[in-house]
Amino acid sequence: MNASGKAIKYGNNIDTDVIIPARYLNTSDVTELASHCMEDLDRDFVSRVRPGDIIVAGANFGCGSSREHAPIAIKASGISCVIAADFARIFYRNAINIGLPIIECREAARDIADGDILEVDFNGGSITNLTANTVYKIKPFPPFLQNIILSGGLLAAADSGALNDGN
């Protein structure tokens, strides 16, 4: 399992209210949510994000309310994963539940610049910054998390039997 794309960099304490503003919580349409992702923080996000791009942020990414709309909007926008110094715990669980890979790596979050080209090897446990020629070691996802993400989320993994592999 791998991801590659351009880094879109943000700072600390990116809360769910700026990931997807509350005025859009009346829909569960993923295309609609994606079209408003990050708009209160970064008006250009929707026009500059490309499939595979990677959000990189500081500490406490996804803080605030426990809405699942936030990771859904990020995933639907085309973001392949989020790298942060750390995540709000409810956001972390919601992201995994909907199949959005997220990685905690304080050094990568600090060093990666907006626009850097990244490759993430979830199985091998590395983030490679191709722009800066730097590699960061991360803990590989255990097989059960890989199954959830590859299935498209927890419910899809349960429905497909992917959670019954003994891991």
C-alpha atoms as a PDB file:
ATOM      1  CA  MET A   1       0.000   0.000   0.000  1.00  0.00           C
ATOM      2  CA  ASN A   2       1.529   3.294  -1.121  1.00  0.00           C
ATOM      3  CA  ALA A   3       0.651   6.930  -1.695  1.00  0.00           C
ATOM      4  CA  SER A   4       2.415   9.616  -3.650  1.00  0.00           C
ATOM      5  CA  GLY A   5       1.712  13.226  -4.397  1.00  0.00           C
ATOM      6  CA  LYS A   6       2.413  16.852  -3.675  1.00  0.00           C
ATOM      7  CA  ALA A   7       2.418  18.106  -0.084  1.00  0.00           C
ATOM      8  CA  ILE A   8      -0.212  20.632   0.909  1.00  0.00           C
ATOM      9  CA  LYS A   9       1.058  22.063   4.185  1.00  0.00           C
ATOM     10  CA  TYR A  10      -0.848  23.489   7.139  1.00  0.00           C
ATOM     11  CA  GLY A  11       0.040  24.425  10.699  1.00  0.00           C
ATOM     12  CA  ASN A  12      -1.096  23.297  14.134  1.00  0.00           C
ATOM     13  CA  ASN A  13      -4.623  22.857  15.493  1.00  0.00           C
ATOM     14  CA  ILE A  14      -6.448  22.424  12.196  1.00  0.00           C
ATOM     15  CA  ASP A  15      -9.927  21.755  13.496  1.00  0.00           C
ATOM     16  CA  THR A  16     -12.860  19.982  11.916  1.00  0.00           C
ATOM     17  CA  ASP A  17     -14.693  23.319  11.543  1.00  0.00           C
ATOM     18  CA  VAL A  18     -12.141  24.503   8.982  1.00  0.00           C
ATOM     19  CA  ILE A  19     -11.757  21.086   7.360  1.00  0.00           C
ATOM     20  CA  ILE A  20     -15.483  21.148   6.580  1.00  0.00           C
ATOM     21  CA  PRO A  21     -17.444  24.157   7.846  1.00  0.00           C
ATOM     22  CA  ALA A  22     -20.588  23.417   9.880  1.00  0.00           C
ATOM     23  CA  ARG A  23     -22.823  25.050   7.258  1.00  0.00           C
ATOM     24  CA  TYR A  24     -22.220  21.989   5.031  1.00  0.00           C
ATOM     25  CA  LEU A  25     -23.049  19.327   7.596  1.00  0.00           C
ATOM     26  CA  ASN A  26     -26.574  18.978   6.270  1.00  0.00           C
ATOM     27  CA  THR A  27     -25.318  16.763   3.434  1.00  0.00           C
ATOM     28  CA  SER A  28     -23.605  13.415   3.255  1.00  0.00           C
ATOM     29  CA  ASP A  29     -22.897  13.782  -0.480  1.00  0.00           C
ATOM     30  CA  VAL A  30     -19.148  13.206  -0.694  1.00  0.00           C
ATOM     31  CA  THR A  31     -18.756  15.301  -3.852  1.00  0.00           C
ATOM     32  CA  GLU A  32     -20.474  18.247  -2.178  1.00  0.00           C
ATOM     33  CA  LEU A  33     -18.344  17.850   0.960  1.00  0.00           C
ATOM     34  CA  ALA A  34     -15.155  17.682  -1.118  1.00  0.00           C
ATOM     35  CA  SER A  35     -16.095  20.879  -2.948  1.00  0.00           C
ATOM     36  CA  HIS A  36     -16.018  22.776   0.372  1.00  0.00           C
ATOM     37  CA  CYS A  37     -13.056  21.034   2.008  1.00  0.00           C
ATOM     38  CA  MET A  38     -10.733  23.511   3.774  1.00  0.00           C
ATOM     39  CA  GLU A  39     -12.512  26.519   2.259  1.00  0.00           C
ATOM     40  CA  ASP A  40     -12.506  28.603   5.465  1.00  0.00           C
ATOM     41  CA  LEU A  41      -8.762  28.060   5.876  1.00  0.00           C
ATOM     42  CA  ASP A  42      -7.527  27.785   2.291  1.00  0.00           C
ATOM     43  CA  ARG A  43      -9.808  29.137  -0.452  1.00  0.00           C
ATOM     44  CA  ASP A  44      -7.483  27.664  -3.116  1.00  0.00           C
ATOM     45  CA  PHE A  45      -7.441  24.117  -1.722  1.00  0.00           C
ATOM     46  CA  VAL A  46     -10.180  22.723  -3.963  1.00  0.00           C
ATOM     47  CA  SER A  47      -8.650  24.201  -7.111  1.00  0.00           C
ATOM     48  CA  ARG A  48      -5.088  23.094  -6.379  1.00  0.00           C
ATOM     49  CA  VAL A  49      -5.574  19.624  -4.889  1.00  0.00           C
ATOM     50  CA  ARG A  50      -4.901  16.757  -7.278  1.00  0.00           C
ATOM     51  CA  PRO A  51      -5.670  13.057  -6.772  1.00  0.00           C
ATOM     52  CA  GLY A  52      -2.933  11.555  -4.627  1.00  0.00           C
ATOM     53  CA  ASP A  53      -1.836  14.782  -2.951  1.00  0.00           C
ATOM     54  CA  ILE A  54      -0.939  14.575   0.719  1.00  0.00           C
ATOM     55  CA  ILE A  55      -1.906  16.943   3.510  1.00  0.00           C
ATOM     56  CA  VAL A  56       0.949  17.635   5.919  1.00  0.00           C
ATOM     57  CA  ALA A  57       0.188  19.457   9.156  1.00  0.00           C
ATOM     58  CA  GLY A  58       1.474  20.185  12.610  1.00  0.00           C
ATOM     59  CA  ALA A  59       0.110  19.081  15.960  1.00  0.00           C
ATOM     60  CA  ASN A  60      -3.484  18.289  16.886  1.00  0.00           C
ATOM     61  CA  PHE A  61      -4.846  17.873  13.357  1.00  0.00           C
ATOM     62  CA  GLY A  62      -8.601  17.249  13.361  1.00  0.00           C
ATOM     63  CA  CYS A  63      -9.314  18.760  16.758  1.00  0.00           C
ATOM     64  CA  GLY A  64     -12.772  20.065  17.553  1.00  0.00           C
ATOM     65  CA  SER A  65     -15.999  18.177  17.047  1.00  0.00           C
ATOM     66  CA  SER A  66     -16.181  14.489  16.281  1.00  0.00           C
ATOM     67  CA  ARG A  67     -17.864  14.851  12.891  1.00  0.00           C
ATOM     68  CA  GLU A  68     -17.078  12.146  10.354  1.00  0.00           C
ATOM     69  CA  HIS A  69     -17.689  14.688   7.598  1.00  0.00           C
ATOM     70  CA  ALA A  70     -14.138  16.034   8.039  1.00  0.00           C
ATOM     71  CA  PRO A  71     -12.153  12.938   6.990  1.00  0.00           C
ATOM     72  CA  ILE A  72     -14.825  12.126   4.398  1.00  0.00           C
ATOM     73  CA  ALA A  73     -14.349  15.575   2.792  1.00  0.00           C
ATOM     74  CA  ILE A  74     -10.560  15.151   2.801  1.00  0.00           C
ATOM     75  CA  LYS A  75     -10.691  11.696   1.229  1.00  0.00           C
ATOM     76  CA  ALA A  76     -13.309  12.726  -1.335  1.00  0.00           C
ATOM     77  CA  SER A  77     -11.164  15.717  -2.370  1.00  0.00           C
ATOM     78  CA  GLY A  78      -8.510  13.297  -3.656  1.00  0.00           C
ATOM     79  CA  ILE A  79      -6.076  13.446  -0.747  1.00  0.00           C
ATOM     80  CA  SER A  80      -4.330  10.065  -0.477  1.00  0.00           C
ATOM     81  CA  CYS A  81      -3.208  10.447   3.147  1.00  0.00           C
ATOM     82  CA  VAL A  82      -2.597  12.939   5.919  1.00  0.00           C
ATOM     83  CA  ILE A  83       0.731  13.264   7.710  1.00  0.00           C
ATOM     84  CA  ALA A  84       0.754  15.235  10.949  1.00  0.00           C
ATOM     85  CA  ALA A  85       2.792  15.620  14.113  1.00  0.00           C
ATOM     86  CA  ASP A  86      -0.236  14.118  15.865  1.00  0.00           C
ATOM     87  CA  PHE A  87      -4.000  13.873  15.511  1.00  0.00           C
ATOM     88  CA  ALA A  88      -6.986  14.471  17.702  1.00  0.00           C
ATOM     89  CA  ARG A  89      -7.945  10.954  18.751  1.00  0.00           C
ATOM     90  CA  ILE A  90     -11.545  11.029  17.526  1.00  0.00           C
ATOM     91  CA  PHE A  91     -10.415  12.334  14.126  1.00  0.00           C
ATOM     92  CA  TYR A  92      -7.788   9.574  13.995  1.00  0.00           C
ATOM     93  CA  ARG A  93     -10.412   6.888  14.545  1.00  0.00           C
ATOM     94  CA  ASN A  94     -12.917   8.487  12.156  1.00  0.00           C
ATOM     95  CA  ALA A  95     -10.239   8.663   9.440  1.00  0.00           C
ATOM     96  CA  ILE A  96      -9.428   4.970   9.755  1.00  0.00           C
ATOM     97  CA  ASN A  97     -13.144   4.123   9.915  1.00  0.00           C
ATOM     98  CA  ILE A  98     -13.740   5.743   6.507  1.00  0.00           C
ATOM     99  CA  GLY A  99     -10.497   4.422   4.958  1.00  0.00           C
ATOM    100  CA  LEU A 100      -8.341   7.579   4.984  1.00  0.00           C
ATOM    101  CA  PRO A 101      -4.714   6.692   5.797  1.00  0.00           C
ATOM    102  CA  ILE A 102      -3.163   8.956   8.412  1.00  0.00           C
ATOM    103  CA  ILE A 103       0.389   8.980   9.728  1.00  0.00           C
ATOM    104  CA  GLU A 104       1.886  10.534  12.832  1.00  0.00           C
ATOM    105  CA  CYS A 105       5.467  11.632  12.185  1.00  0.00           C
ATOM    106  CA  ARG A 106       6.595  14.756  14.000  1.00  0.00           C
ATOM    107  CA  GLU A 107       9.860  15.101  12.030  1.00  0.00           C
ATOM    108  CA  ALA A 108       8.215  14.790   8.622  1.00  0.00           C
ATOM    109  CA  ALA A 109       5.452  17.206   9.627  1.00  0.00           C
ATOM    110  CA  ARG A 110       8.077  19.718  10.716  1.00  0.00           C
ATOM    111  CA  ASP A 111      10.434  19.368   7.732  1.00  0.00           C
ATOM    112  CA  ILE A 112       8.196  18.878   4.696  1.00  0.00           C
ATOM    113  CA  ALA A 113       7.420  22.087   2.798  1.00  0.00           C
ATOM    114  CA  ASP A 114       4.332  22.982   0.817  1.00  0.00           C
ATOM    115  CA  GLY A 115       4.740  21.627  -2.700  1.00  0.00           C
ATOM    116  CA  ASP A 116       7.322  18.941  -1.868  1.00  0.00           C
ATOM    117  CA  ILE A 117       6.763  15.671  -3.729  1.00  0.00           C
ATOM    118  CA  LEU A 118       6.255  12.748  -1.361  1.00  0.00           C
ATOM    119  CA  GLU A 119       6.034   8.968  -1.519  1.00  0.00           C
ATOM    120  CA  VAL A 120       4.613   7.006   1.400  1.00  0.00           C
ATOM    121  CA  ASP A 121       5.200   3.276   1.801  1.00  0.00           C
ATOM    122  CA  PHE A 122       2.685   2.145   4.421  1.00  0.00           C
ATOM    123  CA  ASN A 123       3.887  -1.470   4.388  1.00  0.00           C
ATOM    124  CA  GLY A 124       7.605  -0.713   4.472  1.00  0.00           C
ATOM    125  CA  GLY A 125       7.191   2.112   6.944  1.00  0.00           C
ATOM    126  CA  SER A 126       8.658   5.168   5.231  1.00  0.00           C
ATOM    127  CA  ILE A 127       7.898   8.642   3.966  1.00  0.00           C
ATOM    128  CA  THR A 128      10.240   9.794   1.213  1.00  0.00           C
ATOM    129  CA  ASN A 129      10.487  13.479   0.399  1.00  0.00           C
ATOM    130  CA  LEU A 130      11.682  13.315  -3.213  1.00  0.00           C
ATOM    131  CA  THR A 131      12.144  17.090  -3.331  1.00  0.00           C
ATOM    132  CA  ALA A 132      14.503  17.204  -0.337  1.00  0.00           C
ATOM    133  CA  ASN A 133      15.901  13.674  -0.793  1.00  0.00           C
ATOM    134  CA  THR A 134      14.953  12.778   2.789  1.00  0.00           C
ATOM    135  CA  VAL A 135      13.471   9.590   4.222  1.00  0.00           C
ATOM    136  CA  TYR A 136      11.475   9.358   7.452  1.00  0.00           C
ATOM    137  CA  LYS A 137      10.805   6.045   9.154  1.00  0.00           C
ATOM    138  CA  ILE A 138       7.250   5.393  10.288  1.00  0.00           C
ATOM    139  CA  LYS A 139       5.593   2.447  11.940  1.00  0.00           C
ATOM    140  CA  PRO A 140       4.039   0.270   9.213  1.00  0.00           C
ATOM    141  CA  PHE A 141       0.277  -0.196   9.373  1.00  0.00           C
ATOM    142  CA  PRO A 142      -0.643  -3.557  10.892  1.00  0.00           C
ATOM    143  CA  PRO A 143      -2.493  -5.911   8.533  1.00  0.00           C
ATOM    144  CA  PHE A 144      -5.923  -5.266  10.069  1.00  0.00           C
ATOM    145  CA  LEU A 145      -5.578  -1.489   9.455  1.00  0.00           C
ATOM    146  CA  GLN A 146      -4.332  -2.131   5.930  1.00  0.00           C
ATOM    147  CA  ASN A 147      -7.425  -4.281   5.338  1.00  0.00           C
ATOM    148  CA  ILE A 148      -9.727  -1.528   6.615  1.00  0.00           C
ATOM    149  CA  ILE A 149      -8.077   1.146   4.456  1.00  0.00           C
ATOM    150  CA  LEU A 150      -7.823  -1.023   1.340  1.00  0.00           C
ATOM    151  CA  SER A 151     -11.484  -2.001   1.726  1.00  0.00           C
ATOM    152  CA  GLY A 152     -12.525   1.663   1.822  1.00  0.00           C
ATOM    153  CA  GLY A 153     -13.347   1.822   5.510  1.00  0.00           C
ATOM    154  CA  LEU A 154     -14.441  -0.202   8.507  1.00  0.00           C
ATOM    155  CA  LEU A 155     -17.973  -0.985   7.327  1.00  0.00           C
ATOM    156  CA  ALA A 156     -16.795  -2.046   3.877  1.00  0.00           C
ATOM    157  CA  ALA A 157     -14.089  -4.234   5.445  1.00  0.00           C
ATOM    158  CA  ALA A 158     -16.645  -5.879   7.730  1.00  0.00           C
ATOM    159  CA  ASP A 159     -19.034  -6.454   4.831  1.00  0.00           C
ATOM    160  CA  SER A 160     -16.300  -7.994   2.669  1.00  0.00           C
ATOM    161  CA  GLY A 161     -14.941 -10.235   5.429  1.00  0.00           C
ATOM    162  CA  ALA A 162     -11.568  -8.464   5.342  1.00  0.00           C
ATOM    163  CA  LEU A 163     -11.584  -8.252   9.135  1.00  0.00           C
ATOM    164  CA  ASN A 164     -11.694 -12.037   9.458  1.00  0.00           C
ATOM    165  CA  ASP A 165      -8.088 -12.755   8.442  1.00  0.00           C
ATOM    166  CA  GLY A 166      -6.885 -13.544  11.965  1.00  0.00           C
ATOM    167  CA  ASN A 167      -4.776 -10.391  12.381  1.00  0.00           C
END
